[in-house]
Amino acid sequence: MPKSRTRKPKNTRPKQAVAPNVVQRRARNVALLVDSVTPEYIAWATGGEPDMAAFAAQQLNVVKGFLTIIHADLATPTSFRMDPRSLETYLEPYIEDAATLAEAEGADEDEAIEDQRYVVGTLVDWLSFLEETGRWVGTAEELEDVAEQLDAQAERLGGIVDASPLAGLPEATDEESRAFATDSPFVRHARQLLEWLGEGREVDADGSLPTAALTEVAGPIGSEERALRVWQAMLAAELVELDEGSARPGEGAADLGGDDAMGHLEAQFLATEIVAAACSDGAPGTLEGETGAVLATILNAGLHQEPFPLEDVASLGTESGDDLDVEEELGPDAAERLKGLGEALLSEIRELEALGLLDTSDGMVAVPVAALDAVYDALMTEEELGLVDEDFEARELDET
């Protein structure tokens, strides 16, 4: 999968290092060659995300420009080959050219560097694509040489991927990560549901558990509501697949609960789906919708190590005086609505805590360190949908 996600530069046209007619002829051949794998590259680069298709297609313009330069003075037929000696000659000038063109069009220094990072990141993606799809032309040693040259340029530019939004936040220890992936309550419950599922069971048309089945699995899990929550998250995480009224274990089901990379990844996927559902259930304007939106804001605060006091959530709508100040915004039933919201929020917070995804043991609504990545991924989805309101605390909780 691609490593580069920096923005597209304003201009990536290469300088002509050889005679114009040679460049033009080779450019046509290179374009035809790259166009022949464009659909496959886009599928590889996007991972099935349609909104990334335009980004991937633009990357290939950079690839075409660079391949044209490194092949223009060669007598050999056009191919996907990236000769290490050609990179030694042309790679850095090509990268510098991206900055020169950007600055000529009014970009500042930071934007010019970002364009250079985009070029290097694109070439790293292209090299990965060639390797993973068996299209690399050359020896393993040459592949390593090209990769090292690209890595050196990436390091010179400060990296090709922006710093993680979680940079500076606490990091889970190996023991914490292992416990989260193998023994968190939500993982144990999911394994219980997979054990019940066996090789497959009949379910409702929409994938829901039939009433009898829900009653059967609720005992060891704790409640029907919790079993249903975990089951729906398993469907979303593709740990369970549906096929004409029946459900069976998905491809990643066998990995869930394992203490290897895939086990940790499946646990994170499942946790993300549980949190995302909790923050997005319910239509806007309904109690469920308001609860999800406010919960997302509370989790966002916990994610960034500024957790809300649990007491503030519990006291919504129960204190006299300040609550009445929001009547103009929320209406004459403001206190009643806030009380209902507080109760619903407490219920969701307690449930997520029971699943191992929140911690209120010190009186604050905190996100466990091992769950930070999963909660972040869930909130990123909600932010894209406009459901995370970072100003809620200033407008609601602080007013209570």
Protein backbone atom coordinates (compact mmCIF):
# COMPACT_ATOMS: atom_id res chain seq x y z
CA MET A 1 0.00 0.00 0.00
CA PRO A 2 1.18 3.53 -0.67
CA LYS A 3 3.20 5.48 1.88
CA SER A 4 2.74 8.96 0.42
CA ARG A 5 -0.29 11.06 1.18
CA THR A 6 1.10 14.56 0.89
CA ARG A 7 -0.62 17.05 -1.37
CA LYS A 8 -0.15 17.18 -5.12
CA PRO A 9 2.40 19.82 -6.16
CA LYS A 10 1.40 22.62 -8.48
CA ASN A 11 3.76 21.50 -11.23
CA THR A 12 5.76 18.32 -11.75
CA ARG A 13 6.99 18.81 -15.31
CA PRO A 14 10.59 17.64 -15.67
CA LYS A 15 13.41 19.72 -17.04
CA GLN A 16 14.64 18.35 -20.35
CA ALA A 17 18.03 16.77 -19.79
CA VAL A 18 18.45 15.60 -23.39
CA ALA A 19 17.31 16.64 -26.86
CA PRO A 20 13.63 17.69 -26.97
CA ASN A 21 12.69 15.32 -29.79
CA VAL A 22 14.19 12.37 -27.90
CA VAL A 23 12.31 13.32 -24.74
CA GLN A 24 9.03 13.67 -26.62
CA ARG A 25 9.38 10.31 -28.32
CA ARG A 26 10.33 8.56 -25.12
CA ALA A 27 7.57 10.38 -23.23
CA ARG A 28 4.96 8.94 -25.57
CA ASN A 29 6.30 5.43 -25.07
CA VAL A 30 6.49 5.86 -21.30
CA ALA A 31 2.94 7.21 -21.19
CA LEU A 32 1.62 4.20 -23.08
CA LEU A 33 3.51 1.84 -20.78
CA VAL A 34 2.26 3.47 -17.57
CA ASP A 35 -1.27 3.82 -18.93
CA SER A 36 -1.34 0.06 -19.43
CA VAL A 37 -1.16 -0.49 -15.66
CA THR A 38 -3.07 2.59 -14.53
CA PRO A 39 -6.27 0.75 -13.48
CA GLU A 40 -4.25 -1.77 -11.47
CA TYR A 41 -2.13 0.94 -9.85
CA ILE A 42 -5.19 2.95 -8.84
CA ALA A 43 -6.78 -0.16 -7.32
CA TRP A 44 -3.55 -0.91 -5.46
CA ALA A 45 -2.99 2.65 -4.28
CA THR A 46 -6.54 3.36 -3.15
CA GLY A 47 -7.22 0.13 -1.32
CA GLY A 48 -10.82 0.34 -2.48
CA GLU A 49 -11.30 3.96 -1.34
CA PRO A 50 -12.90 5.78 -4.31
CA ASP A 51 -12.01 9.21 -2.94
CA MET A 52 -8.31 8.40 -3.37
CA ALA A 53 -8.57 7.51 -7.08
CA ALA A 54 -7.85 11.06 -8.28
CA PHE A 55 -4.81 11.24 -6.00
CA ALA A 56 -3.44 7.97 -7.39
CA ALA A 57 -4.05 9.04 -10.98
CA GLN A 58 -2.14 12.29 -10.39
CA GLN A 59 0.77 10.33 -8.95
CA LEU A 60 1.24 8.63 -12.30
CA ASN A 61 1.99 11.99 -13.93
CA VAL A 62 5.05 12.21 -11.69
CA VAL A 63 5.98 8.63 -12.55
CA LYS A 64 5.70 9.31 -16.28
CA GLY A 65 7.86 12.42 -16.00
CA PHE A 66 10.59 10.67 -14.06
CA LEU A 67 10.66 7.53 -16.22
CA THR A 68 10.89 9.75 -19.29
CA ILE A 69 13.98 11.48 -17.89
CA ILE A 70 15.83 8.35 -16.79
CA HIS A 71 15.08 6.51 -20.05
CA ALA A 72 15.45 9.34 -22.57
CA ASP A 73 19.16 8.86 -23.21
CA LEU A 74 19.02 5.05 -23.27
CA ALA A 75 18.93 3.01 -26.46
CA THR A 76 17.05 0.19 -24.75
CA PRO A 77 13.28 -0.28 -25.18
CA THR A 78 11.04 1.55 -22.75
CA SER A 79 10.35 -0.53 -19.64
CA PHE A 80 9.57 -0.26 -15.96
CA ARG A 81 13.27 -0.53 -15.17
CA MET A 82 14.71 2.06 -12.78
CA ASP A 83 18.47 1.72 -13.10
CA PRO A 84 20.26 2.73 -9.87
CA ARG A 85 22.95 4.56 -11.88
CA SER A 86 20.30 6.65 -13.63
CA LEU A 87 18.81 7.58 -10.28
CA GLU A 88 22.22 8.71 -9.06
CA THR A 89 22.31 11.11 -12.00
CA TYR A 90 18.72 12.30 -12.29
CA LEU A 91 16.85 11.77 -9.00
CA GLU A 92 18.05 14.77 -7.02
CA PRO A 93 17.85 17.22 -9.96
CA TYR A 94 14.30 16.03 -10.65
CA ILE A 95 13.35 16.62 -7.02
CA GLU A 96 15.01 20.04 -7.00
CA ASP A 97 13.16 20.90 -10.20
CA ALA A 98 9.85 20.34 -8.42
CA ALA A 99 10.81 22.99 -5.86
CA THR A 100 12.05 25.42 -8.51
CA LEU A 101 8.82 25.17 -10.46
CA ALA A 102 6.74 25.56 -7.31
CA GLU A 103 8.61 28.68 -6.26
CA ALA A 104 8.29 30.11 -9.77
CA GLU A 105 4.53 29.83 -9.36
CA GLY A 106 4.52 31.66 -6.04
CA ALA A 107 4.95 28.83 -3.52
CA ASP A 108 6.79 29.60 -0.30
CA GLU A 109 9.67 27.48 0.98
CA ASP A 110 7.47 25.13 3.02
CA GLU A 111 5.15 24.53 0.07
CA ALA A 112 8.11 23.87 -2.21
CA ILE A 113 9.47 21.27 0.20
CA GLU A 114 6.02 19.72 0.39
CA ASP A 115 6.05 19.37 -3.41
CA GLN A 116 9.42 17.65 -3.20
CA ARG A 117 8.10 15.28 -0.55
CA TYR A 118 5.17 14.49 -2.81
CA VAL A 119 7.52 13.57 -5.68
CA VAL A 120 9.68 11.31 -3.51
CA GLY A 121 6.65 9.73 -1.87
CA THR A 122 5.10 9.03 -5.25
CA LEU A 123 8.26 7.32 -6.47
CA VAL A 124 8.37 5.25 -3.28
CA ASP A 125 4.78 4.20 -3.92
CA TRP A 126 5.60 3.33 -7.52
CA LEU A 127 8.59 1.24 -6.48
CA SER A 128 6.43 -0.60 -3.93
CA PHE A 129 3.83 -1.23 -6.62
CA LEU A 130 6.43 -2.68 -9.00
CA GLU A 131 7.79 -4.94 -6.28
CA GLU A 132 4.44 -6.13 -4.93
CA THR A 133 2.96 -6.85 -8.36
CA GLY A 134 6.05 -8.59 -9.74
CA ARG A 135 6.81 -5.87 -12.30
CA TRP A 136 10.20 -4.87 -10.98
CA VAL A 137 12.79 -5.17 -13.74
CA GLY A 138 16.24 -5.83 -12.34
CA THR A 139 18.00 -7.69 -9.55
CA ALA A 140 17.11 -7.72 -5.87
CA GLU A 141 20.31 -5.78 -5.20
CA GLU A 142 19.26 -3.08 -7.67
CA LEU A 143 15.84 -2.88 -6.05
CA GLU A 144 17.49 -2.36 -2.67
CA ASP A 145 19.80 0.27 -4.14
CA VAL A 146 16.89 2.25 -5.63
CA ALA A 147 14.95 2.00 -2.38
CA GLU A 148 17.93 3.28 -0.40
CA GLN A 149 18.35 6.25 -2.73
CA LEU A 150 14.69 7.17 -2.36
CA ASP A 151 14.86 6.71 1.41
CA ALA A 152 17.89 9.00 1.57
CA GLN A 153 16.03 11.71 -0.33
CA ALA A 154 12.98 11.27 1.89
CA GLU A 155 15.14 11.63 5.00
CA ARG A 156 16.78 14.74 3.56
CA LEU A 157 13.33 16.30 3.15
CA GLY A 158 12.13 15.34 6.62
CA GLY A 159 10.11 12.29 5.60
CA ILE A 160 7.39 11.66 3.04
CA VAL A 161 4.53 11.14 5.47
CA ASP A 162 3.26 13.87 7.76
CA ALA A 163 3.84 13.40 11.47
CA SER A 164 1.18 11.34 13.15
CA PRO A 165 -1.67 13.35 14.68
CA LEU A 166 -1.01 11.24 17.78
CA ALA A 167 2.59 12.41 18.03
CA GLY A 168 3.36 13.53 21.56
CA LEU A 169 0.64 11.42 23.13
CA PRO A 170 1.47 8.52 25.45
CA GLU A 171 2.43 5.26 23.77
CA ALA A 172 1.31 1.88 24.98
CA THR A 173 3.93 -0.49 26.32
CA ASP A 174 4.31 -3.89 24.72
CA GLU A 175 2.43 -5.41 27.64
CA GLU A 176 -0.43 -2.90 27.32
CA SER A 177 -0.68 -3.50 23.57
CA ARG A 178 -0.64 -7.25 24.08
CA ALA A 179 -3.35 -7.12 26.74
CA PHE A 180 -5.52 -4.84 24.60
CA ALA A 181 -5.30 -7.09 21.55
CA THR A 182 -5.63 -10.43 23.30
CA ASP A 183 -7.61 -9.95 26.50
CA SER A 184 -9.75 -6.82 26.25
CA PRO A 185 -13.41 -7.50 27.09
CA PHE A 186 -14.52 -6.58 23.57
CA VAL A 187 -12.05 -9.09 22.11
CA ARG A 188 -13.19 -11.83 24.49
CA HIS A 189 -16.83 -11.16 23.66
CA ALA A 190 -16.10 -11.25 19.95
CA ARG A 191 -14.30 -14.57 20.36
CA GLN A 192 -17.33 -15.88 22.26
CA LEU A 193 -19.58 -14.86 19.38
CA LEU A 194 -17.25 -16.51 16.88
CA GLU A 195 -17.28 -19.68 18.96
CA TRP A 196 -21.09 -19.60 18.90
CA LEU A 197 -21.04 -18.93 15.15
CA GLY A 198 -18.87 -21.92 14.38
CA GLU A 199 -18.71 -22.51 10.64
CA GLY A 200 -21.91 -20.58 10.09
CA ARG A 201 -25.42 -19.83 11.36
CA GLU A 202 -28.67 -18.49 9.99
CA VAL A 203 -29.31 -14.82 10.78
CA ASP A 204 -31.87 -12.20 9.84
CA ALA A 205 -31.77 -10.75 6.35
CA ASP A 206 -29.95 -7.62 7.52
CA GLY A 207 -27.38 -9.64 9.44
CA SER A 208 -28.95 -9.11 12.86
CA LEU A 209 -29.01 -11.95 15.33
CA PRO A 210 -32.43 -13.61 15.66
CA THR A 211 -34.11 -13.13 19.03
CA ALA A 212 -33.44 -16.70 20.14
CA ALA A 213 -29.79 -16.47 19.17
CA LEU A 214 -29.39 -13.12 20.90
CA THR A 215 -30.82 -14.57 24.09
CA GLU A 216 -28.47 -17.53 23.83
CA VAL A 217 -25.29 -15.49 23.49
CA ALA A 218 -26.26 -12.71 25.91
CA GLY A 219 -25.55 -14.76 29.04
CA PRO A 220 -21.77 -15.10 28.81
CA ILE A 221 -21.38 -11.63 27.28
CA GLY A 222 -23.43 -9.74 29.86
CA SER A 223 -26.51 -8.45 28.09
CA GLU A 224 -28.38 -8.64 24.81
CA GLU A 225 -27.53 -5.00 24.09
CA ARG A 226 -23.81 -5.64 24.52
CA ALA A 227 -23.90 -8.79 22.43
CA LEU A 228 -25.72 -6.93 19.67
CA ARG A 229 -23.24 -4.04 19.82
CA VAL A 230 -20.24 -6.32 19.46
CA TRP A 231 -21.93 -8.40 16.75
CA GLN A 232 -22.72 -5.34 14.64
CA ALA A 233 -19.15 -4.11 15.02
CA MET A 234 -17.89 -7.52 13.91
CA LEU A 235 -20.00 -7.23 10.77
CA ALA A 236 -18.62 -3.76 10.08
CA ALA A 237 -15.05 -4.97 10.68
CA GLU A 238 -15.67 -7.93 8.34
CA LEU A 239 -14.91 -10.44 11.05
CA VAL A 240 -18.26 -11.91 10.10
CA GLU A 241 -19.49 -12.20 6.52
CA LEU A 242 -23.07 -12.50 5.31
CA ASP A 243 -24.33 -14.71 2.52
CA GLU A 244 -28.05 -14.98 1.74
CA GLY A 245 -29.41 -15.16 5.26
CA SER A 246 -26.46 -16.89 6.83
CA ALA A 247 -23.36 -15.64 8.61
CA ARG A 248 -19.91 -17.18 8.69
CA PRO A 249 -16.50 -16.16 10.04
CA GLY A 250 -14.71 -13.58 7.92
CA GLU A 251 -11.16 -13.74 6.70
CA GLY A 252 -9.70 -12.00 9.76
CA ALA A 253 -11.70 -13.95 12.34
CA ALA A 254 -8.95 -16.49 12.92
CA ASP A 255 -6.47 -13.71 13.70
CA LEU A 256 -8.59 -11.92 16.31
CA GLY A 257 -7.19 -12.42 19.79
CA GLY A 258 -3.73 -13.34 18.55
CA ASP A 259 -0.57 -11.68 19.82
CA ASP A 260 0.90 -11.05 16.40
CA ALA A 261 0.66 -8.12 14.01
CA MET A 262 -2.56 -9.35 12.41
CA GLY A 263 -4.16 -10.06 15.76
CA HIS A 264 -3.37 -6.55 16.97
CA LEU A 265 -4.69 -5.09 13.73
CA GLU A 266 -7.99 -6.99 13.86
CA ALA A 267 -8.51 -5.90 17.46
CA GLN A 268 -7.94 -2.28 16.47
CA PHE A 269 -10.37 -2.58 13.56
CA LEU A 270 -13.04 -4.03 15.83
CA ALA A 271 -12.50 -1.41 18.53
CA THR A 272 -12.73 1.33 15.93
CA GLU A 273 -16.07 0.04 14.69
CA ILE A 274 -17.47 -0.18 18.22
CA VAL A 275 -16.52 3.42 18.99
CA ALA A 276 -17.62 4.72 15.59
CA ALA A 277 -21.05 3.15 16.02
CA ALA A 278 -21.43 4.61 19.50
CA CYS A 279 -20.69 8.08 18.13
CA SER A 280 -22.91 7.89 15.07
CA ASP A 281 -26.04 6.00 16.09
CA GLY A 282 -29.23 8.02 15.89
CA ALA A 283 -30.49 10.74 13.59
CA PRO A 284 -29.55 14.39 14.18
CA GLY A 285 -32.01 16.09 16.48
CA THR A 286 -32.90 12.90 18.34
CA LEU A 287 -31.62 11.95 21.78
CA GLU A 288 -29.59 9.14 20.22
CA GLY A 289 -28.09 11.48 17.64
CA GLU A 290 -27.25 14.14 20.23
CA THR A 291 -25.74 11.50 22.51
CA GLY A 292 -23.49 10.19 19.76
CA ALA A 293 -22.32 13.66 18.75
CA VAL A 294 -21.54 14.74 22.31
CA LEU A 295 -19.88 11.41 23.07
CA ALA A 296 -17.58 11.96 20.10
CA THR A 297 -16.56 15.32 21.56
CA ILE A 298 -15.94 13.80 24.99
CA LEU A 299 -13.82 11.05 23.44
CA ASN A 300 -11.93 13.62 21.40
CA ALA A 301 -11.02 15.43 24.62
CA GLY A 302 -9.91 12.17 26.22
CA LEU A 303 -7.90 11.29 23.15
CA HIS A 304 -5.93 14.53 23.45
CA GLN A 305 -5.32 14.01 27.19
CA GLU A 306 -7.83 16.64 28.29
CA PRO A 307 -10.57 14.38 29.65
CA PHE A 308 -13.90 15.58 30.97
CA PRO A 309 -14.75 14.91 34.62
CA LEU A 310 -17.33 12.16 34.78
CA GLU A 311 -19.20 14.24 37.34
CA ASP A 312 -19.78 16.99 34.76
CA VAL A 313 -21.46 14.50 32.47
CA ALA A 314 -23.53 13.01 35.29
CA SER A 315 -24.74 16.42 36.46
CA LEU A 316 -26.12 17.57 33.12
CA GLY A 317 -29.58 19.02 33.70
CA THR A 318 -29.57 18.36 37.45
CA GLU A 319 -28.11 21.62 38.76
CA SER A 320 -30.26 24.69 39.20
CA GLY A 321 -29.20 28.11 38.00
CA ASP A 322 -26.61 27.67 35.26
CA ASP A 323 -28.66 25.07 33.40
CA LEU A 324 -31.40 27.64 32.95
CA ASP A 325 -29.02 29.89 31.01
CA VAL A 326 -29.26 27.58 27.99
CA GLU A 327 -33.06 27.76 27.76
CA GLU A 328 -32.88 30.36 25.03
CA GLU A 329 -30.81 28.01 22.86
CA LEU A 330 -32.38 24.67 23.76
CA GLY A 331 -35.90 25.76 24.65
CA PRO A 332 -37.93 25.80 27.87
CA ASP A 333 -37.34 22.09 28.45
CA ALA A 334 -33.56 22.60 28.40
CA ALA A 335 -32.91 21.12 31.84
CA GLU A 336 -35.01 18.04 31.08
CA ARG A 337 -33.29 17.52 27.74
CA LEU A 338 -29.86 17.92 29.29
CA LYS A 339 -30.73 15.47 32.03
CA GLY A 340 -31.83 12.91 29.45
CA LEU A 341 -28.65 13.56 27.50
CA GLY A 342 -26.51 13.14 30.61
CA GLU A 343 -28.15 9.82 31.46
CA ALA A 344 -27.70 8.54 27.91
CA LEU A 345 -24.06 9.65 27.88
CA LEU A 346 -23.37 7.94 31.20
CA SER A 347 -24.88 4.74 29.85
CA GLU A 348 -22.68 4.85 26.74
CA ILE A 349 -19.56 5.72 28.72
CA ARG A 350 -20.17 2.86 31.16
CA GLU A 351 -20.74 0.46 28.28
CA LEU A 352 -17.56 1.45 26.46
CA GLU A 353 -15.69 1.13 29.75
CA ALA A 354 -17.10 -2.36 30.24
CA LEU A 355 -15.73 -3.23 26.81
CA GLY A 356 -12.27 -1.95 27.72
CA LEU A 357 -12.37 1.18 25.56
CA LEU A 358 -12.70 3.86 28.25
CA ASP A 359 -11.44 4.29 31.81
CA THR A 360 -13.21 6.39 34.45
CA SER A 361 -11.43 4.93 37.47
CA ASP A 362 -9.98 8.31 38.45
CA GLY A 363 -13.20 10.21 37.87
CA MET A 364 -12.23 11.40 34.39
CA VAL A 365 -13.49 10.06 31.05
CA ALA A 366 -10.11 8.87 29.78
CA VAL A 367 -9.10 6.77 26.79
CA PRO A 368 -6.73 3.90 27.68
CA VAL A 369 -3.35 4.36 26.05
CA ALA A 370 -3.65 1.11 24.10
CA ALA A 371 -6.99 2.26 22.66
CA LEU A 372 -5.79 5.66 21.42
CA ASP A 373 -5.26 4.55 17.82
CA ALA A 374 -8.65 2.87 17.58
CA VAL A 375 -10.49 5.84 19.08
CA TYR A 376 -8.60 8.23 16.82
CA ASP A 377 -9.56 6.22 13.73
CA ALA A 378 -13.19 6.18 14.83
CA LEU A 379 -13.26 9.92 15.45
CA MET A 380 -11.60 10.65 12.12
CA THR A 381 -14.59 9.01 10.45
CA GLU A 382 -17.00 11.02 12.57
CA GLU A 383 -15.10 14.25 11.87
CA GLU A 384 -15.40 13.63 8.14
CA LEU A 385 -19.14 13.29 8.66
CA GLY A 386 -19.23 16.49 10.69
CA LEU A 387 -20.21 14.74 13.91
CA VAL A 388 -17.32 15.81 16.14
CA ASP A 389 -17.99 19.18 17.72
CA GLU A 390 -14.79 20.33 19.40
CA ASP A 391 -16.52 23.43 20.82
CA PHE A 392 -19.22 21.48 22.64
CA GLU A 393 -17.54 21.79 26.01
CA ALA A 394 -17.54 25.57 25.75
CA ARG A 395 -21.17 25.72 24.74
CA GLU A 396 -22.76 22.99 26.82
CA LEU A 397 -20.81 21.17 29.51
CA ASP A 398 -19.11 24.28 30.85
CA GLU A 399 -22.47 26.02 31.01
CA THR A 400 -23.77 23.42 33.39
